[in-house]
């Protein structure tokens, strides 16, 4: 059964330097991942890349930012 996960925080230091953040579970399918930075939707390959559980931003999110993920997951 597939479920939609929303408002999922990403693990990683939001210090204005770090660009790499980790999801606690993998989206299934991977294409269902949707990343939001400070309320603004982000675009894959423009704002970030994704592989496995790792989200890598092209530009480090500013210190104090809020990063959330939305995605489908097969449980």
Protein backbone atom coordinates (compact mmCIF):
# COMPACT_ATOMS: atom_id res chain seq x y z
CA UNK A 1 0.00 0.00 0.00
CA UNK A 2 1.28 3.47 -0.87
CA UNK A 3 1.05 6.42 1.49
CA UNK A 4 1.80 10.09 1.04
CA UNK A 5 4.32 11.44 3.55
CA UNK A 6 4.27 15.19 4.10
CA UNK A 7 6.10 17.77 6.21
CA UNK A 8 9.06 15.40 6.66
CA UNK A 9 12.19 17.17 7.97
CA UNK A 10 15.56 16.42 6.39
CA UNK A 11 18.51 15.58 8.64
CA UNK A 12 21.54 17.86 8.37
CA UNK A 13 23.06 21.02 9.77
CA UNK A 14 21.32 24.16 8.43
CA UNK A 15 24.25 26.52 8.87
CA UNK A 16 24.49 28.36 5.55
CA UNK A 17 27.41 26.14 4.45
CA UNK A 18 26.08 22.56 4.44
CA UNK A 19 24.44 21.50 1.18
CA UNK A 20 23.76 17.82 1.99
CA UNK A 21 20.68 16.56 3.83
CA UNK A 22 19.41 13.04 4.48
CA UNK A 23 15.87 11.66 4.41
CA UNK A 24 14.93 9.09 7.07
CA UNK A 25 13.17 6.90 4.46
CA UNK A 26 13.41 6.68 0.68
CA UNK A 27 10.59 7.94 -1.53
CA UNK A 28 8.93 5.21 -3.59
CA UNK A 29 8.92 6.05 -6.41
CA UNK A 30 11.91 8.40 -6.20
CA UNK A 31 10.28 10.76 -8.72
CA UNK A 32 7.57 11.52 -6.13
CA UNK A 33 10.00 13.56 -3.98
CA UNK A 34 9.00 17.22 -3.57
CA UNK A 35 11.34 19.50 -1.56
CA UNK A 36 10.25 22.79 0.04
CA UNK A 37 12.74 25.37 1.35
CA UNK A 38 11.31 28.15 3.52
CA UNK A 39 7.88 27.58 1.97
CA UNK A 40 9.16 27.75 -1.63
CA UNK A 41 8.99 24.64 -3.84
CA UNK A 42 12.40 23.57 -5.13
CA UNK A 43 13.14 22.19 -8.59
CA UNK A 44 15.19 19.02 -9.00
CA UNK A 45 18.44 19.51 -10.96
CA UNK A 46 18.04 23.28 -10.67
CA UNK A 47 17.87 23.76 -6.89
CA UNK A 48 18.89 20.30 -5.67
CA UNK A 49 19.87 16.80 -6.73
CA UNK A 50 18.65 13.55 -5.21
CA UNK A 51 20.15 10.06 -4.88
CA UNK A 52 19.11 7.28 -2.47
CA UNK A 53 18.33 9.14 0.75
CA UNK A 54 20.52 12.18 0.01
CA UNK A 55 19.27 15.59 -1.06
CA UNK A 56 22.11 17.89 -2.17
CA UNK A 57 21.30 21.55 -2.69
CA UNK A 58 23.13 23.46 -5.42
CA UNK A 59 23.41 26.45 -3.05
CA UNK A 60 23.53 25.90 0.72
CA UNK A 61 20.26 26.88 2.45
CA UNK A 62 20.67 29.96 4.67
CA UNK A 63 21.12 29.45 8.40
CA UNK A 64 17.76 29.06 10.15
CA UNK A 65 15.99 27.78 7.03
CA UNK A 66 13.14 25.27 7.19
CA UNK A 67 13.46 22.33 4.80
CA UNK A 68 10.65 19.84 4.36
CA UNK A 69 10.00 16.93 2.01
CA UNK A 70 6.83 15.42 0.62
CA UNK A 71 6.79 12.04 -1.12
CA UNK A 72 5.05 8.72 -1.68
CA UNK A 73 6.23 5.59 0.10
CA UNK A 74 5.29 1.95 -0.29
CA UNK A 75 4.82 0.34 3.15
